[in-house]
PDB file of N, CA and C in Angstrom:
ATOM      1  N   THR A   1       8.154 -39.678  35.404  1.00  0.00           N
ATOM      2  CA  THR A   1       6.572 -39.965  35.969  1.00  0.00           C
ATOM      3  C   THR A   1       6.426 -38.225  35.461  1.00  0.00           C
ATOM      4  N   GLN A   2       7.250 -37.599  35.777  1.00  0.00           N
ATOM      5  CA  GLN A   2       7.442 -36.329  35.317  1.00  0.00           C
ATOM      6  C   GLN A   2       7.777 -35.768  34.610  1.00  0.00           C
ATOM      7  N   SER A   3       8.036 -36.642  33.284  1.00  0.00           N
ATOM      8  CA  SER A   3       8.164 -35.932  31.815  1.00  0.00           C
ATOM      9  C   SER A   3       6.740 -36.327  31.353  1.00  0.00           C
ATOM     10  N   THR A   4       6.103 -37.254  31.419  1.00  0.00           N
ATOM     11  CA  THR A   4       4.978 -37.468  31.565  1.00  0.00           C
ATOM     12  C   THR A   4       3.295 -36.457  31.404  1.00  0.00           C
ATOM     13  N   TRP A   5       4.063 -36.108  32.750  1.00  0.00           N
ATOM     14  CA  TRP A   5       3.212 -34.753  33.293  1.00  0.00           C
ATOM     15  C   TRP A   5       3.377 -33.629  32.399  1.00  0.00           C
ATOM     16  N   GLY A   6       4.600 -33.799  32.359  1.00  0.00           N
ATOM     17  CA  GLY A   6       4.969 -32.273  31.534  1.00  0.00           C
ATOM     18  C   GLY A   6       4.056 -32.302  29.549  1.00  0.00           C
ATOM     19  N   ILE A   7       3.914 -33.816  29.181  1.00  0.00           N
ATOM     20  CA  ILE A   7       3.491 -34.147  28.415  1.00  0.00           C
ATOM     21  C   ILE A   7       1.866 -33.632  28.392  1.00  0.00           C
ATOM     22  N   ILE A   8       1.489 -34.395  29.072  1.00  0.00           N
ATOM     23  CA  ILE A   8       0.130 -34.242  29.113  1.00  0.00           C
ATOM     24  C   ILE A   8      -0.506 -32.868  29.776  1.00  0.00           C
ATOM     25  N   LYS A   9       0.424 -32.090  30.822  1.00  0.00           N
ATOM     26  CA  LYS A   9       0.688 -30.496  30.293  1.00  0.00           C
ATOM     27  C   LYS A   9       0.094 -29.870  29.118  1.00  0.00           C
ATOM     28  N   MET A  10       1.535 -30.143  28.892  1.00  0.00           N
ATOM     29  CA  MET A  10       1.526 -29.159  27.708  1.00  0.00           C
ATOM     30  C   MET A  10       0.066 -29.566  26.218  1.00  0.00           C
ATOM     31  N   SER A  11      -0.540 -31.308  26.144  1.00  0.00           N
ATOM     32  CA  SER A  11      -1.155 -31.183  25.475  1.00  0.00           C
ATOM     33  C   SER A  11      -2.310 -30.638  25.565  1.00  0.00           C
ATOM     34  N   LYS A  12      -2.870 -30.254  26.867  1.00  0.00           N
ATOM     35  CA  LYS A  12      -3.780 -29.377  27.225  1.00  0.00           C
ATOM     36  C   LYS A  12      -3.877 -27.863  27.020  1.00  0.00           C
ATOM     37  N   LYS A  13      -2.018 -27.380  26.558  1.00  0.00           N
ATOM     38  CA  LYS A  13      -2.231 -25.916  26.541  1.00  0.00           C
ATOM     39  C   LYS A  13      -2.463 -26.014  25.159  1.00  0.00           C
ATOM     40  N   VAL A  14      -2.202 -26.680  24.504  1.00  0.00           N
ATOM     41  CA  VAL A  14      -1.993 -27.235  23.259  1.00  0.00           C
ATOM     42  C   VAL A  14      -3.783 -27.052  22.550  1.00  0.00           C
ATOM     43  N   ASP A  15      -4.445 -28.041  23.177  1.00  0.00           N
ATOM     44  CA  ASP A  15      -5.738 -28.438  22.965  1.00  0.00           C
ATOM     45  C   ASP A  15      -6.774 -26.945  23.014  1.00  0.00           C
ATOM     46  N   GLY A  16      -6.399 -25.855  24.086  1.00  0.00           N
ATOM     47  CA  GLY A  16      -6.690 -24.554  24.533  1.00  0.00           C
ATOM     48  C   GLY A  16      -6.066 -23.681  23.663  1.00  0.00           C
ATOM     49  N   LEU A  17      -4.751 -23.620  22.661  1.00  0.00           N
ATOM     50  CA  LEU A  17      -4.541 -22.886  21.867  1.00  0.00           C
ATOM     51  C   LEU A  17      -5.556 -23.039  20.731  1.00  0.00           C
ATOM     52  N   TRP A  18      -5.892 -24.238  20.381  1.00  0.00           N
ATOM     53  CA  TRP A  18      -6.730 -24.777  18.916  1.00  0.00           C
ATOM     54  C   TRP A  18      -8.319 -24.004  19.414  1.00  0.00           C
ATOM     55  N   THR A  19      -8.829 -23.944  20.290  1.00  0.00           N
ATOM     56  CA  THR A  19      -9.711 -24.081  21.012  1.00  0.00           C
ATOM     57  C   THR A  19      -9.925 -22.214  20.213  1.00  0.00           C
ATOM     58  N   GLY A  20      -8.655 -21.136  20.944  1.00  0.00           N
ATOM     59  CA  GLY A  20      -8.997 -20.094  21.409  1.00  0.00           C
ATOM     60  C   GLY A  20      -8.981 -19.851  19.949  1.00  0.00           C
ATOM     61  N   SER A  21      -8.243 -20.101  18.867  1.00  0.00           N
ATOM     62  CA  SER A  21      -7.587 -19.816  17.884  1.00  0.00           C
ATOM     63  C   SER A  21      -8.917 -20.073  16.877  1.00  0.00           C
ATOM     64  N   LEU A  22      -9.820 -21.297  17.112  1.00  0.00           N
ATOM     65  CA  LEU A  22     -11.013 -21.083  16.386  1.00  0.00           C
ATOM     66  C   LEU A  22     -12.198 -20.562  16.915  1.00  0.00           C
ATOM     67  N   VAL A  23     -12.153 -19.497  18.128  1.00  0.00           N
ATOM     68  CA  VAL A  23     -13.153 -18.506  18.625  1.00  0.00           C
ATOM     69  C   VAL A  23     -12.935 -17.552  17.723  1.00  0.00           C
ATOM     70  N   PHE A  24     -11.818 -17.567  17.588  1.00  0.00           N
ATOM     71  CA  PHE A  24     -10.974 -15.517  16.704  1.00  0.00           C
ATOM     72  C   PHE A  24     -10.890 -15.887  15.695  1.00  0.00           C
ATOM     73  N   LEU A  25     -10.666 -16.924  14.791  1.00  0.00           N
ATOM     74  CA  LEU A  25     -11.690 -17.415  13.763  1.00  0.00           C
ATOM     75  C   LEU A  25     -13.185 -17.157  13.409  1.00  0.00           C
ATOM     76  N   VAL A  26     -13.996 -17.928  14.161  1.00  0.00           N
ATOM     77  CA  VAL A  26     -14.993 -17.350  14.037  1.00  0.00           C
ATOM     78  C   VAL A  26     -15.969 -16.372  13.819  1.00  0.00           C
ATOM     79  N   VAL A  27     -15.197 -15.339  15.322  1.00  0.00           N
ATOM     80  CA  VAL A  27     -14.967 -13.718  15.654  1.00  0.00           C
ATOM     81  C   VAL A  27     -14.933 -13.199  14.491  1.00  0.00           C
ATOM     82  N   PHE A  28     -13.759 -13.468  13.992  1.00  0.00           N
ATOM     83  CA  PHE A  28     -13.552 -12.316  12.320  1.00  0.00           C
ATOM     84  C   PHE A  28     -14.604 -12.697  11.467  1.00  0.00           C
ATOM     85  N   VAL A  29     -14.860 -14.029  11.117  1.00  0.00           N
ATOM     86  CA  VAL A  29     -15.317 -14.430  10.163  1.00  0.00           C
ATOM     87  C   VAL A  29     -17.244 -13.589  10.335  1.00  0.00           C
ATOM     88  N   LEU A  30     -17.699 -13.525  11.316  1.00  0.00           N
ATOM     89  CA  LEU A  30     -18.648 -13.130  12.028  1.00  0.00           C
ATOM     90  C   LEU A  30     -19.157 -11.169  11.475  1.00  0.00           C
ATOM     91  N   ALA A  31     -17.950 -10.952  12.437  1.00  0.00           N
ATOM     92  CA  ALA A  31     -17.850  -9.320  12.219  1.00  0.00           C
ATOM     93  C   ALA A  31     -17.071  -8.722  10.719  1.00  0.00           C
ATOM     94  N   ALA A  32     -16.256  -9.468  10.099  1.00  0.00           N
ATOM     95  CA  ALA A  32     -16.394  -9.364   8.431  1.00  0.00           C
ATOM     96  C   ALA A  32     -18.063  -9.312   8.116  1.00  0.00           C
ATOM     97  N   ILE A  33     -19.167 -10.613   7.818  1.00  0.00           N
ATOM     98  CA  ILE A  33     -20.168 -10.982   7.226  1.00  0.00           C
ATOM     99  C   ILE A  33     -21.113  -9.698   7.491  1.00  0.00           C
ATOM    100  N   ILE A  34     -21.067  -9.845   9.032  1.00  0.00           N
ATOM    101  CA  ILE A  34     -22.389  -8.830   9.259  1.00  0.00           C
ATOM    102  C   ILE A  34     -21.656  -6.924   9.078  1.00  0.00           C
ATOM    103  N   LEU A  35     -20.389  -6.909   9.294  1.00  0.00           N
ATOM    104  CA  LEU A  35     -19.733  -5.220   9.410  1.00  0.00           C
ATOM    105  C   LEU A  35     -19.639  -5.475   7.697  1.00  0.00           C
ATOM    106  N   GLY A  36     -19.600  -6.016   6.801  1.00  0.00           N
ATOM    107  CA  GLY A  36     -19.456  -5.970   6.059  1.00  0.00           C
ATOM    108  C   GLY A  36     -21.013  -5.689   4.876  1.00  0.00           C
ATOM    109  N   GLN A  37     -21.999  -6.724   5.550  1.00  0.00           N
ATOM    110  CA  GLN A  37     -23.325  -5.801   5.140  1.00  0.00           C
ATOM    111  C   GLN A  37     -23.705  -4.383   5.320  1.00  0.00           C
ATOM    112  N   TYR A  38     -23.454  -4.630   6.609  1.00  0.00           N
ATOM    113  CA  TYR A  38     -23.800  -2.693   6.853  1.00  0.00           C
ATOM    114  C   TYR A  38     -23.419  -1.986   6.526  1.00  0.00           C
ATOM    115  N   VAL A  39     -21.708  -2.093   6.226  1.00  0.00           N
ATOM    116  CA  VAL A  39     -21.422  -0.864   5.062  1.00  0.00           C
ATOM    117  C   VAL A  39     -21.837  -0.608   4.151  1.00  0.00           C
ATOM    118  N   PHE A  40     -21.796  -1.999   3.494  1.00  0.00           N
ATOM    119  CA  PHE A  40     -22.462  -1.860   2.265  1.00  0.00           C
ATOM    120  C   PHE A  40     -23.585  -1.551   2.302  1.00  0.00           C
ATOM    121  N   ALA A  41     -24.937  -1.388   2.911  1.00  0.00           N
ATOM    122  CA  ALA A  41     -25.912  -1.315   3.094  1.00  0.00           C
ATOM    123  C   ALA A  41     -25.907   0.292   3.258  1.00  0.00           C
ATOM    124  N   ARG A  42     -25.445   0.709   3.809  1.00  0.00           N
ATOM    125  CA  ARG A  42     -25.058   2.308   4.493  1.00  0.00           C
ATOM    126  C   ARG A  42     -24.719   3.049   3.453  1.00  0.00           C
ATOM    127  N   THR A  43     -23.714   2.462   2.269  1.00  0.00           N
ATOM    128  CA  THR A  43     -23.064   3.726   1.880  1.00  0.00           C
ATOM    129  C   THR A  43     -23.767   4.453   0.505  1.00  0.00           C
ATOM    130  N   LYS A  44     -24.081   4.737   0.654  1.00  0.00           N
ATOM    131  CA  LYS A  44     -24.911   5.779  -0.740  1.00  0.00           C
ATOM    132  C   LYS A  44     -24.201   5.907  -2.180  1.00  0.00           C
ATOM    133  N   ASP A  45     -23.277   5.945  -2.338  1.00  0.00           N
ATOM    134  CA  ASP A  45     -22.756   6.018  -3.968  1.00  0.00           C
ATOM    135  C   ASP A  45     -22.053   4.776  -4.146  1.00  0.00           C
ATOM    136  N   ARG A  46     -22.704   4.133  -5.007  1.00  0.00           N
ATOM    137  CA  ARG A  46     -23.007   2.188  -4.949  1.00  0.00           C
ATOM    138  C   ARG A  46     -21.491   1.805  -5.596  1.00  0.00           C
ATOM    139  N   SER A  47     -21.078   2.908  -6.797  1.00  0.00           N
ATOM    140  CA  SER A  47     -19.465   2.642  -6.890  1.00  0.00           C
ATOM    141  C   SER A  47     -18.362   2.423  -6.391  1.00  0.00           C
ATOM    142  N   GLN A  48     -18.708   2.936  -4.865  1.00  0.00           N
ATOM    143  CA  GLN A  48     -17.634   3.021  -3.856  1.00  0.00           C
ATOM    144  C   GLN A  48     -18.074   1.880  -2.710  1.00  0.00           C
ATOM    145  N   ALA A  49     -19.204   1.533  -2.754  1.00  0.00           N
ATOM    146  CA  ALA A  49     -19.821   0.389  -1.582  1.00  0.00           C
ATOM    147  C   ALA A  49     -19.099  -0.958  -1.303  1.00  0.00           C
ATOM    148  N   SER A  50     -18.658  -1.200  -2.867  1.00  0.00           N
ATOM    149  CA  SER A  50     -17.381  -2.898  -2.563  1.00  0.00           C
ATOM    150  C   SER A  50     -16.895  -2.427  -2.358  1.00  0.00           C
ATOM    151  N   ASP A  51     -16.088  -1.282  -2.652  1.00  0.00           N
ATOM    152  CA  ASP A  51     -14.955  -0.938  -1.985  1.00  0.00           C
ATOM    153  C   ASP A  51     -14.510  -1.210  -0.708  1.00  0.00           C
ATOM    154  N   ASN A  52     -15.781  -0.460   0.044  1.00  0.00           N
ATOM    155  CA  ASN A  52     -15.783  -0.520   1.178  1.00  0.00           C
ATOM    156  C   ASN A  52     -16.161  -1.707   2.314  1.00  0.00           C
ATOM    157  N   ARG A  53     -16.592  -2.456   1.420  1.00  0.00           N
ATOM    158  CA  ARG A  53     -16.893  -3.474   1.756  1.00  0.00           C
ATOM    159  C   ARG A  53     -15.385  -4.340   1.958  1.00  0.00           C
ATOM    160  N   LYS A  54     -14.674  -4.717   1.194  1.00  0.00           N
ATOM    161  CA  LYS A  54     -13.748  -4.616   0.848  1.00  0.00           C
ATOM    162  C   LYS A  54     -12.472  -4.446   2.198  1.00  0.00           C
ATOM    163  N   LEU A  55     -12.582  -3.100   2.735  1.00  0.00           N
ATOM    164  CA  LEU A  55     -12.014  -2.415   3.185  1.00  0.00           C
ATOM    165  C   LEU A  55     -12.706  -2.737   4.786  1.00  0.00           C
ATOM    166  N   THR A  56     -13.614  -2.898   5.179  1.00  0.00           N
ATOM    167  CA  THR A  56     -14.079  -3.371   5.714  1.00  0.00           C
ATOM    168  C   THR A  56     -13.744  -5.238   6.620  1.00  0.00           C
ATOM    169  N   TRP A  57     -13.203  -5.946   5.424  1.00  0.00           N
ATOM    170  CA  TRP A  57     -13.217  -7.413   5.227  1.00  0.00           C
ATOM    171  C   TRP A  57     -11.222  -6.868   6.370  1.00  0.00           C
ATOM    172  N   GLY A  58     -10.889  -6.125   5.181  1.00  0.00           N
ATOM    173  CA  GLY A  58      -9.600  -5.935   6.097  1.00  0.00           C
ATOM    174  C   GLY A  58      -8.946  -5.272   7.536  1.00  0.00           C
ATOM    175  N   LEU A  59     -10.035  -4.605   7.608  1.00  0.00           N
ATOM    176  CA  LEU A  59      -9.806  -4.297   8.919  1.00  0.00           C
ATOM    177  C   LEU A  59     -10.404  -5.104   9.888  1.00  0.00           C
ATOM    178  N   SER A  60     -11.331  -5.913   9.818  1.00  0.00           N
ATOM    179  CA  SER A  60     -11.530  -7.044  10.736  1.00  0.00           C
ATOM    180  C   SER A  60     -10.543  -8.306  10.734  1.00  0.00           C
ATOM    181  N   PHE A  61     -10.258  -7.969   9.784  1.00  0.00           N
ATOM    182  CA  PHE A  61      -9.098  -9.098  10.285  1.00  0.00           C
ATOM    183  C   PHE A  61      -8.047  -8.240  10.599  1.00  0.00           C
ATOM    184  N   LEU A  62      -7.678  -7.125   9.783  1.00  0.00           N
ATOM    185  CA  LEU A  62      -6.174  -6.767  11.122  1.00  0.00           C
ATOM    186  C   LEU A  62      -6.819  -7.137  12.469  1.00  0.00           C
ATOM    187  N   GLY A  63      -7.611  -6.437  13.535  1.00  0.00           N
ATOM    188  CA  GLY A  63      -8.637  -5.904  14.068  1.00  0.00           C
ATOM    189  C   GLY A  63      -8.347  -7.671  15.214  1.00  0.00           C
ATOM    190  N   THR A  64      -8.896  -8.273  14.135  1.00  0.00           N
ATOM    191  CA  THR A  64      -8.970  -9.887  15.099  1.00  0.00           C
ATOM    192  C   THR A  64      -7.455 -10.498  14.939  1.00  0.00           C
ATOM    193  N   PHE A  65      -6.975  -9.815  14.120  1.00  0.00           N
ATOM    194  CA  PHE A  65      -5.114 -11.024  13.947  1.00  0.00           C
ATOM    195  C   PHE A  65      -4.432  -9.824  15.760  1.00  0.00           C
ATOM    196  N   CYS A  66      -4.959  -8.389  15.749  1.00  0.00           N
ATOM    197  CA  CYS A  66      -3.948  -8.028  16.741  1.00  0.00           C
ATOM    198  C   CYS A  66      -4.508  -8.179  17.902  1.00  0.00           C
ATOM    199  N   CYS A  67      -6.057  -8.713  18.325  1.00  0.00           N
ATOM    200  CA  CYS A  67      -6.295  -9.050  19.364  1.00  0.00           C
ATOM    201  C   CYS A  67      -5.452 -10.612  19.317  1.00  0.00           C
ATOM    202  N   TRP A  68      -6.000 -11.808  18.913  1.00  0.00           N
ATOM    203  CA  TRP A  68      -5.383 -13.040  18.815  1.00  0.00           C
ATOM    204  C   TRP A  68      -3.701 -12.470  19.135  1.00  0.00           C
ATOM    205  N   SER A  69      -3.381 -11.962  18.475  1.00  0.00           N
ATOM    206  CA  SER A  69      -1.883 -12.318  18.860  1.00  0.00           C
ATOM    207  C   SER A  69      -1.690 -11.792  20.263  1.00  0.00           C
ATOM    208  N   LEU A  70      -2.397 -10.653  20.531  1.00  0.00           N
ATOM    209  CA  LEU A  70      -1.938 -10.316  21.909  1.00  0.00           C
ATOM    210  C   LEU A  70      -2.513 -11.493  23.014  1.00  0.00           C
ATOM    211  N   TRP A  71      -3.574 -12.370  22.355  1.00  0.00           N
ATOM    212  CA  TRP A  71      -3.977 -13.437  23.435  1.00  0.00           C
ATOM    213  C   TRP A  71      -3.464 -14.946  23.510  1.00  0.00           C
ATOM    214  N   ILE A  72      -2.241 -14.530  22.223  1.00  0.00           N
ATOM    215  CA  ILE A  72      -1.580 -16.027  22.200  1.00  0.00           C
ATOM    216  C   ILE A  72      -0.083 -15.658  23.024  1.00  0.00           C
ATOM    217  N   CYS A  73       0.188 -14.174  22.937  1.00  0.00           N
ATOM    218  CA  CYS A  73       1.207 -14.341  23.784  1.00  0.00           C
ATOM    219  C   CYS A  73       1.596 -14.384  25.046  1.00  0.00           C
ATOM    220  N   THR A  74       0.134 -13.690  25.603  1.00  0.00           N
ATOM    221  CA  THR A  74      -0.620 -14.329  26.784  1.00  0.00           C
ATOM    222  C   THR A  74      -0.817 -15.373  27.366  1.00  0.00           C
ATOM    223  N   TYR A  75      -1.592 -16.008  26.511  1.00  0.00           N
ATOM    224  CA  TYR A  75      -2.142 -17.297  26.737  1.00  0.00           C
ATOM    225  C   TYR A  75      -0.456 -18.553  26.868  1.00  0.00           C
ATOM    226  N   MET A  76       0.272 -18.102  26.182  1.00  0.00           N
ATOM    227  CA  MET A  76       1.790 -19.018  26.146  1.00  0.00           C
ATOM    228  C   MET A  76       2.627 -18.460  26.984  1.00  0.00           C
ATOM    229  N   HIS A  77       2.328 -17.725  27.431  1.00  0.00           N
ATOM    230  CA  HIS A  77       3.554 -16.931  28.339  1.00  0.00           C
ATOM    231  C   HIS A  77       3.685 -17.508  29.344  1.00  0.00           C
TER     232      HIS A  77
END
């Protein structure tokens, strides 16, 4: 019975892992779209607007990944 309880407990932890990861994925997508549009609209030089948008997407990914990795380490501890 103890091993069964351990499996159930681990199953709940894995469910929370997927849910939390999905939340961070949604945060990334929303941040990349909203901030990308904002940066594109604010850039005066149209030749740099696309590059600035791509940079914003990359930085959004990097920031979200760093927050996710900190969360995952804390959650799994």
